[in-house]
Amino acid sequence: MSSPKPVDSDQRAAHKGQQTKATIVEAALGLATQIGIEGLSIGALAEVARMSKSGVFAHFGSREELQLSVVRAYHERFEAEVFYPAIDAPRGLPRLVALFNNWTKRTTTEIDSGCLYISGAAEFDDRPGPVRDALASSVNTWLAAMLRAVLQAKEEGHLEADIDAPQMVFEIHGLILALHYEARFLKTSQSLTHTAKGFENILKRYGASEMFTKPKPVTLKPV
């Protein structure tokens, strides 16, 4: 019997490098929720990660690449928590409702830390460049998924045939933005109740049947 082929030292080094970079990105995500994406720097992250500046720099090469890595990691986490679980729901309005419920749940978990999509928009709305493009692309990708869910619900006959699908997505997006603002900034105790009622009203206005107009309740943790 031949002996097991030894693991190449380069492979081990590459794997360790990937693990280290993932750890740094995780620390950067936590830091970005406190000081914003714009506040990220190689020096600040090195201090939080307890690494040398040169060690952090070796994994990213620039402050901008560090920021882009954070945006990508945040989007991947958002998809994992909001989008992919909803795919298990039946096509049509059940899936749209699942997407909204997951989105609402995700928003409530970010009341203390903040949403990088929202804070990033405030930081980079008037600053053209790769970071702004990455943020906008991530948000547009998500809104496109919501639009597909609305169109599928229309195709399944769960919504009226003549609805304005982009308008419906705009209104749903507005609810989430209002929830974040009301819960995080104004500390409004009824923000989740208002959000659920707002979504129920949107569904009814666009022709959803009664069985789909009661979003799953989400509990807002005390602040």
C-alpha atoms as a PDB file:
ATOM      1  CA  MET A   1       0.000   0.000   0.000  1.00  0.00           C
ATOM      2  CA  SER A   2       1.356   3.404  -0.910  1.00  0.00           C
ATOM      3  CA  SER A   3       1.831   5.913   1.866  1.00  0.00           C
ATOM      4  CA  PRO A   4      -0.455   9.000   1.970  1.00  0.00           C
ATOM      5  CA  LYS A   5       0.782  11.858  -0.115  1.00  0.00           C
ATOM      6  CA  PRO A   6       2.120  14.579   2.172  1.00  0.00           C
ATOM      7  CA  VAL A   7       0.292  17.878   2.155  1.00  0.00           C
ATOM      8  CA  ASP A   8       2.290  20.402   0.217  1.00  0.00           C
ATOM      9  CA  SER A   9       3.714  23.149   2.406  1.00  0.00           C
ATOM     10  CA  ASP A  10       2.468  25.763  -0.054  1.00  0.00           C
ATOM     11  CA  GLN A  11      -1.071  24.409   0.315  1.00  0.00           C
ATOM     12  CA  ARG A  12      -0.822  24.577   4.089  1.00  0.00           C
ATOM     13  CA  ALA A  13       0.469  28.116   3.915  1.00  0.00           C
ATOM     14  CA  ALA A  14      -2.308  29.143   1.517  1.00  0.00           C
ATOM     15  CA  HIS A  15      -4.968  27.595   3.766  1.00  0.00           C
ATOM     16  CA  LYS A  16      -3.557  29.332   6.813  1.00  0.00           C
ATOM     17  CA  GLY A  17      -3.462  32.596   4.887  1.00  0.00           C
ATOM     18  CA  GLN A  18      -7.128  32.233   3.933  1.00  0.00           C
ATOM     19  CA  GLN A  19      -8.068  31.530   7.543  1.00  0.00           C
ATOM     20  CA  THR A  20      -6.122  34.543   8.733  1.00  0.00           C
ATOM     21  CA  LYS A  21      -7.729  36.792   6.131  1.00  0.00           C
ATOM     22  CA  ALA A  22     -11.202  35.528   7.092  1.00  0.00           C
ATOM     23  CA  THR A  23     -10.451  36.340  10.732  1.00  0.00           C
ATOM     24  CA  ILE A  24      -9.295  39.832   9.778  1.00  0.00           C
ATOM     25  CA  VAL A  25     -12.409  40.443   7.672  1.00  0.00           C
ATOM     26  CA  GLU A  26     -14.597  39.311  10.570  1.00  0.00           C
ATOM     27  CA  ALA A  27     -12.858  41.823  12.835  1.00  0.00           C
ATOM     28  CA  ALA A  28     -13.210  44.484  10.148  1.00  0.00           C
ATOM     29  CA  LEU A  29     -16.968  43.836   9.899  1.00  0.00           C
ATOM     30  CA  GLY A  30     -17.339  44.375  13.614  1.00  0.00           C
ATOM     31  CA  LEU A  31     -15.253  47.533  13.475  1.00  0.00           C
ATOM     32  CA  ALA A  32     -17.170  48.899  10.469  1.00  0.00           C
ATOM     33  CA  THR A  33     -20.477  48.643  12.341  1.00  0.00           C
ATOM     34  CA  GLN A  34     -18.992  50.936  14.991  1.00  0.00           C
ATOM     35  CA  ILE A  35     -17.030  53.476  12.971  1.00  0.00           C
ATOM     36  CA  GLY A  36     -18.353  53.004   9.431  1.00  0.00           C
ATOM     37  CA  ILE A  37     -16.703  51.672   6.314  1.00  0.00           C
ATOM     38  CA  GLU A  38     -14.960  54.978   5.723  1.00  0.00           C
ATOM     39  CA  GLY A  39     -13.412  54.789   9.184  1.00  0.00           C
ATOM     40  CA  LEU A  40     -11.689  51.493   8.409  1.00  0.00           C
ATOM     41  CA  SER A  41      -7.935  51.677   8.091  1.00  0.00           C
ATOM     42  CA  ILE A  42      -5.077  49.208   8.106  1.00  0.00           C
ATOM     43  CA  GLY A  43      -3.790  50.712  11.352  1.00  0.00           C
ATOM     44  CA  ALA A  44      -7.137  50.622  13.192  1.00  0.00           C
ATOM     45  CA  LEU A  45      -7.803  47.063  12.098  1.00  0.00           C
ATOM     46  CA  ALA A  46      -4.300  45.916  13.031  1.00  0.00           C
ATOM     47  CA  GLU A  47      -4.905  47.175  16.550  1.00  0.00           C
ATOM     48  CA  VAL A  48      -8.285  45.415  16.844  1.00  0.00           C
ATOM     49  CA  ALA A  49      -6.977  42.175  15.313  1.00  0.00           C
ATOM     50  CA  ARG A  50      -3.783  42.369  17.372  1.00  0.00           C
ATOM     51  CA  MET A  51      -1.607  42.114  14.312  1.00  0.00           C
ATOM     52  CA  SER A  52       1.110  44.224  12.803  1.00  0.00           C
ATOM     53  CA  LYS A  53       0.165  46.777  10.153  1.00  0.00           C
ATOM     54  CA  SER A  54       2.387  44.988   7.685  1.00  0.00           C
ATOM     55  CA  GLY A  55       0.638  41.697   8.466  1.00  0.00           C
ATOM     56  CA  VAL A  56      -2.797  43.184   7.724  1.00  0.00           C
ATOM     57  CA  PHE A  57      -1.512  45.021   4.671  1.00  0.00           C
ATOM     58  CA  ALA A  58      -0.107  41.782   3.241  1.00  0.00           C
ATOM     59  CA  HIS A  59      -3.634  40.351   3.021  1.00  0.00           C
ATOM     60  CA  PHE A  60      -5.279  43.368   1.365  1.00  0.00           C
ATOM     61  CA  GLY A  61      -2.651  45.602  -0.169  1.00  0.00           C
ATOM     62  CA  SER A  62      -4.656  48.777   0.318  1.00  0.00           C
ATOM     63  CA  ARG A  63      -7.283  50.398   2.509  1.00  0.00           C
ATOM     64  CA  GLU A  64      -9.728  50.346  -0.396  1.00  0.00           C
ATOM     65  CA  GLU A  65      -9.365  46.585  -0.883  1.00  0.00           C
ATOM     66  CA  LEU A  66      -9.971  46.134   2.846  1.00  0.00           C
ATOM     67  CA  GLN A  67     -13.202  48.139   2.533  1.00  0.00           C
ATOM     68  CA  LEU A  68     -14.285  46.144  -0.525  1.00  0.00           C
ATOM     69  CA  SER A  69     -13.630  42.880   1.306  1.00  0.00           C
ATOM     70  CA  VAL A  70     -15.909  44.050   4.115  1.00  0.00           C
ATOM     71  CA  VAL A  71     -18.694  44.962   1.676  1.00  0.00           C
ATOM     72  CA  ARG A  72     -18.420  41.543   0.000  1.00  0.00           C
ATOM     73  CA  ALA A  73     -18.430  39.709   3.337  1.00  0.00           C
ATOM     74  CA  TYR A  74     -21.432  41.680   4.554  1.00  0.00           C
ATOM     75  CA  HIS A  75     -23.354  40.903   1.376  1.00  0.00           C
ATOM     76  CA  GLU A  76     -22.561  37.195   1.647  1.00  0.00           C
ATOM     77  CA  ARG A  77     -23.821  37.160   5.218  1.00  0.00           C
ATOM     78  CA  PHE A  78     -26.949  39.073   4.226  1.00  0.00           C
ATOM     79  CA  GLU A  79     -27.699  36.543   1.489  1.00  0.00           C
ATOM     80  CA  ALA A  80     -27.122  33.628   3.857  1.00  0.00           C
ATOM     81  CA  GLU A  81     -29.539  35.002   6.456  1.00  0.00           C
ATOM     82  CA  VAL A  82     -32.198  36.631   4.275  1.00  0.00           C
ATOM     83  CA  PHE A  83     -32.225  35.274   0.735  1.00  0.00           C
ATOM     84  CA  TYR A  84     -31.246  31.607   0.792  1.00  0.00           C
ATOM     85  CA  PRO A  85     -33.572  30.491   3.622  1.00  0.00           C
ATOM     86  CA  ALA A  86     -36.526  32.030   1.750  1.00  0.00           C
ATOM     87  CA  ILE A  87     -35.841  29.913  -1.336  1.00  0.00           C
ATOM     88  CA  ASP A  88     -37.302  26.953   0.540  1.00  0.00           C
ATOM     89  CA  ALA A  89     -40.692  28.695   0.602  1.00  0.00           C
ATOM     90  CA  PRO A  90     -43.106  27.940  -2.264  1.00  0.00           C
ATOM     91  CA  ARG A  91     -42.751  30.104  -5.352  1.00  0.00           C
ATOM     92  CA  GLY A  92     -44.941  33.192  -5.353  1.00  0.00           C
ATOM     93  CA  LEU A  93     -46.276  35.189  -2.443  1.00  0.00           C
ATOM     94  CA  PRO A  94     -45.121  32.709   0.247  1.00  0.00           C
ATOM     95  CA  ARG A  95     -41.546  33.304  -0.889  1.00  0.00           C
ATOM     96  CA  LEU A  96     -42.028  37.081  -0.997  1.00  0.00           C
ATOM     97  CA  VAL A  97     -43.414  37.035   2.534  1.00  0.00           C
ATOM     98  CA  ALA A  98     -40.480  34.854   3.675  1.00  0.00           C
ATOM     99  CA  LEU A  99     -38.017  37.307   2.150  1.00  0.00           C
ATOM    100  CA  PHE A 100     -39.667  40.204   3.942  1.00  0.00           C
ATOM    101  CA  ASN A 101     -39.815  38.336   7.265  1.00  0.00           C
ATOM    102  CA  ASN A 102     -36.134  37.429   6.996  1.00  0.00           C
ATOM    103  CA  TRP A 103     -35.239  40.993   6.011  1.00  0.00           C
ATOM    104  CA  THR A 104     -37.164  42.357   8.989  1.00  0.00           C
ATOM    105  CA  LYS A 105     -35.502  39.873  11.329  1.00  0.00           C
ATOM    106  CA  ARG A 106     -32.073  40.817   9.992  1.00  0.00           C
ATOM    107  CA  THR A 107     -32.865  44.502  10.491  1.00  0.00           C
ATOM    108  CA  THR A 108     -33.880  43.962  14.114  1.00  0.00           C
ATOM    109  CA  THR A 109     -30.579  42.243  14.860  1.00  0.00           C
ATOM    110  CA  GLU A 110     -28.762  45.318  13.565  1.00  0.00           C
ATOM    111  CA  ILE A 111     -30.525  47.871  15.754  1.00  0.00           C
ATOM    112  CA  ASP A 112     -27.450  48.228  17.962  1.00  0.00           C
ATOM    113  CA  SER A 113     -24.767  47.753  15.308  1.00  0.00           C
ATOM    114  CA  GLY A 114     -26.432  49.350  12.288  1.00  0.00           C
ATOM    115  CA  CYS A 115     -26.836  48.213   8.687  1.00  0.00           C
ATOM    116  CA  LEU A 116     -23.778  48.688   6.475  1.00  0.00           C
ATOM    117  CA  TYR A 117     -26.009  49.181   3.440  1.00  0.00           C
ATOM    118  CA  ILE A 118     -27.720  52.135   5.118  1.00  0.00           C
ATOM    119  CA  SER A 119     -24.693  53.642   6.865  1.00  0.00           C
ATOM    120  CA  GLY A 120     -22.597  53.007   3.745  1.00  0.00           C
ATOM    121  CA  ALA A 121     -25.115  54.893   1.625  1.00  0.00           C
ATOM    122  CA  ALA A 122     -24.805  57.880   3.940  1.00  0.00           C
ATOM    123  CA  GLU A 123     -21.010  57.716   3.767  1.00  0.00           C
ATOM    124  CA  PHE A 124     -20.572  57.127   0.026  1.00  0.00           C
ATOM    125  CA  ASP A 125     -23.686  58.548  -1.659  1.00  0.00           C
ATOM    126  CA  ASP A 126     -21.687  61.456  -3.083  1.00  0.00           C
ATOM    127  CA  ARG A 127     -18.300  59.754  -3.334  1.00  0.00           C
ATOM    128  CA  PRO A 128     -17.825  57.915  -6.642  1.00  0.00           C
ATOM    129  CA  GLY A 129     -15.472  54.982  -6.635  1.00  0.00           C
ATOM    130  CA  PRO A 130     -15.158  51.208  -6.217  1.00  0.00           C
ATOM    131  CA  VAL A 131     -16.508  51.119  -2.647  1.00  0.00           C
ATOM    132  CA  ARG A 132     -19.634  53.064  -3.550  1.00  0.00           C
ATOM    133  CA  ASP A 133     -20.069  50.865  -6.641  1.00  0.00           C
ATOM    134  CA  ALA A 134     -19.760  47.699  -4.551  1.00  0.00           C
ATOM    135  CA  LEU A 135     -22.320  48.927  -2.022  1.00  0.00           C
ATOM    136  CA  ALA A 136     -24.768  49.992  -4.734  1.00  0.00           C
ATOM    137  CA  SER A 137     -24.297  46.719  -6.609  1.00  0.00           C
ATOM    138  CA  SER A 138     -25.021  44.700  -3.462  1.00  0.00           C
ATOM    139  CA  VAL A 139     -28.215  46.628  -2.726  1.00  0.00           C
ATOM    140  CA  ASN A 140     -29.357  46.470  -6.352  1.00  0.00           C
ATOM    141  CA  THR A 141     -28.721  42.714  -6.422  1.00  0.00           C
ATOM    142  CA  TRP A 142     -30.962  42.291  -3.396  1.00  0.00           C
ATOM    143  CA  LEU A 143     -33.701  44.560  -4.744  1.00  0.00           C
ATOM    144  CA  ALA A 144     -33.593  42.620  -8.035  1.00  0.00           C
ATOM    145  CA  ALA A 145     -34.240  39.435  -6.039  1.00  0.00           C
ATOM    146  CA  MET A 146     -37.218  41.098  -4.380  1.00  0.00           C
ATOM    147  CA  LEU A 147     -38.503  42.173  -7.784  1.00  0.00           C
ATOM    148  CA  ARG A 148     -38.250  38.604  -9.089  1.00  0.00           C
ATOM    149  CA  ALA A 149     -40.261  37.416  -6.086  1.00  0.00           C
ATOM    150  CA  VAL A 150     -42.956  40.010  -6.773  1.00  0.00           C
ATOM    151  CA  LEU A 151     -43.125  39.090 -10.464  1.00  0.00           C
ATOM    152  CA  GLN A 152     -43.332  35.399  -9.604  1.00  0.00           C
ATOM    153  CA  ALA A 153     -46.177  36.125  -7.185  1.00  0.00           C
ATOM    154  CA  LYS A 154     -47.988  37.908 -10.000  1.00  0.00           C
ATOM    155  CA  GLU A 155     -47.375  34.992 -12.360  1.00  0.00           C
ATOM    156  CA  GLU A 156     -48.768  32.582  -9.768  1.00  0.00           C
ATOM    157  CA  GLY A 157     -51.927  34.648  -9.499  1.00  0.00           C
ATOM    158  CA  HIS A 158     -51.182  35.680  -5.905  1.00  0.00           C
ATOM    159  CA  LEU A 159     -51.205  39.370  -6.872  1.00  0.00           C
ATOM    160  CA  GLU A 160     -53.270  41.335  -9.351  1.00  0.00           C
ATOM    161  CA  ALA A 161     -52.160  40.941 -12.961  1.00  0.00           C
ATOM    162  CA  ASP A 162     -51.714  44.660 -13.621  1.00  0.00           C
ATOM    163  CA  ILE A 163     -49.587  45.590 -10.602  1.00  0.00           C
ATOM    164  CA  ASP A 164     -46.604  47.916 -10.878  1.00  0.00           C
ATOM    165  CA  ALA A 165     -43.954  45.501  -9.559  1.00  0.00           C
ATOM    166  CA  PRO A 166     -41.075  48.028  -9.243  1.00  0.00           C
ATOM    167  CA  GLN A 167     -43.382  50.346  -7.299  1.00  0.00           C
ATOM    168  CA  MET A 168     -44.264  47.536  -4.904  1.00  0.00           C
ATOM    169  CA  VAL A 169     -40.587  46.772  -4.285  1.00  0.00           C
ATOM    170  CA  PHE A 170     -39.945  50.489  -3.720  1.00  0.00           C
ATOM    171  CA  GLU A 171     -42.640  50.580  -1.046  1.00  0.00           C
ATOM    172  CA  ILE A 172     -41.368  47.429   0.670  1.00  0.00           C
ATOM    173  CA  HIS A 173     -37.820  48.823   0.674  1.00  0.00           C
ATOM    174  CA  GLY A 174     -39.175  52.024   2.186  1.00  0.00           C
ATOM    175  CA  LEU A 175     -40.697  50.061   5.063  1.00  0.00           C
ATOM    176  CA  ILE A 176     -37.337  48.525   5.947  1.00  0.00           C
ATOM    177  CA  LEU A 177     -35.587  51.898   5.814  1.00  0.00           C
ATOM    178  CA  ALA A 178     -38.296  53.388   8.048  1.00  0.00           C
ATOM    179  CA  LEU A 179     -38.001  50.469  10.484  1.00  0.00           C
ATOM    180  CA  HIS A 180     -34.261  50.969  10.807  1.00  0.00           C
ATOM    181  CA  TYR A 181     -34.598  54.727  11.299  1.00  0.00           C
ATOM    182  CA  GLU A 182     -37.473  54.492  13.774  1.00  0.00           C
ATOM    183  CA  ALA A 183     -36.012  51.642  15.821  1.00  0.00           C
ATOM    184  CA  ARG A 184     -32.351  52.687  15.806  1.00  0.00           C
ATOM    185  CA  PHE A 185     -32.525  56.492  15.840  1.00  0.00           C
ATOM    186  CA  LEU A 186     -35.922  57.391  17.280  1.00  0.00           C
ATOM    187  CA  LYS A 187     -36.208  54.300  19.542  1.00  0.00           C
ATOM    188  CA  THR A 188     -39.878  53.984  18.612  1.00  0.00           C
ATOM    189  CA  SER A 189     -41.318  51.056  20.554  1.00  0.00           C
ATOM    190  CA  GLN A 190     -44.023  50.326  17.960  1.00  0.00           C
ATOM    191  CA  SER A 191     -41.697  50.351  14.946  1.00  0.00           C
ATOM    192  CA  LEU A 192     -42.043  46.620  14.280  1.00  0.00           C
ATOM    193  CA  THR A 193     -45.815  46.737  14.660  1.00  0.00           C
ATOM    194  CA  HIS A 194     -45.969  49.617  12.195  1.00  0.00           C
ATOM    195  CA  THR A 195     -43.703  47.743   9.778  1.00  0.00           C
ATOM    196  CA  ALA A 196     -45.820  44.590   9.878  1.00  0.00           C
ATOM    197  CA  LYS A 197     -48.997  46.611   9.397  1.00  0.00           C
ATOM    198  CA  GLY A 198     -47.419  48.536   6.542  1.00  0.00           C
ATOM    199  CA  PHE A 199     -46.471  45.315   4.764  1.00  0.00           C
ATOM    200  CA  GLU A 200     -49.953  43.916   5.311  1.00  0.00           C
ATOM    201  CA  ASN A 201     -51.402  47.054   3.733  1.00  0.00           C
ATOM    202  CA  ILE A 202     -49.067  46.783   0.754  1.00  0.00           C
ATOM    203  CA  LEU A 203     -50.044  43.166   0.156  1.00  0.00           C
ATOM    204  CA  LYS A 204     -53.749  43.990   0.315  1.00  0.00           C
ATOM    205  CA  ARG A 205     -53.375  46.968  -1.982  1.00  0.00           C
ATOM    206  CA  TYR A 206     -51.656  44.843  -4.600  1.00  0.00           C
ATOM    207  CA  GLY A 207     -54.308  42.151  -4.464  1.00  0.00           C
ATOM    208  CA  ALA A 208     -52.924  39.515  -2.106  1.00  0.00           C
ATOM    209  CA  SER A 209     -55.466  37.121  -0.648  1.00  0.00           C
ATOM    210  CA  GLU A 210     -56.178  37.143   3.086  1.00  0.00           C
ATOM    211  CA  MET A 211     -54.042  34.063   3.766  1.00  0.00           C
ATOM    212  CA  PHE A 212     -50.880  35.985   2.821  1.00  0.00           C
ATOM    213  CA  THR A 213     -51.511  39.312   4.550  1.00  0.00           C
ATOM    214  CA  LYS A 214     -50.322  38.447   8.040  1.00  0.00           C
ATOM    215  CA  PRO A 215     -46.507  38.680   8.201  1.00  0.00           C
ATOM    216  CA  LYS A 216     -44.790  36.533  10.798  1.00  0.00           C
ATOM    217  CA  PRO A 217     -44.241  38.646  13.942  1.00  0.00           C
ATOM    218  CA  VAL A 218     -40.671  39.530  14.851  1.00  0.00           C
ATOM    219  CA  THR A 219     -39.649  40.606  18.342  1.00  0.00           C
ATOM    220  CA  LEU A 220     -37.558  43.737  18.698  1.00  0.00           C
ATOM    221  CA  LYS A 221     -34.950  43.298  21.403  1.00  0.00           C
ATOM    222  CA  PRO A 222     -34.828  45.978  24.090  1.00  0.00           C
ATOM    223  CA  VAL A 223     -32.455  48.895  23.492  1.00  0.00           C
END
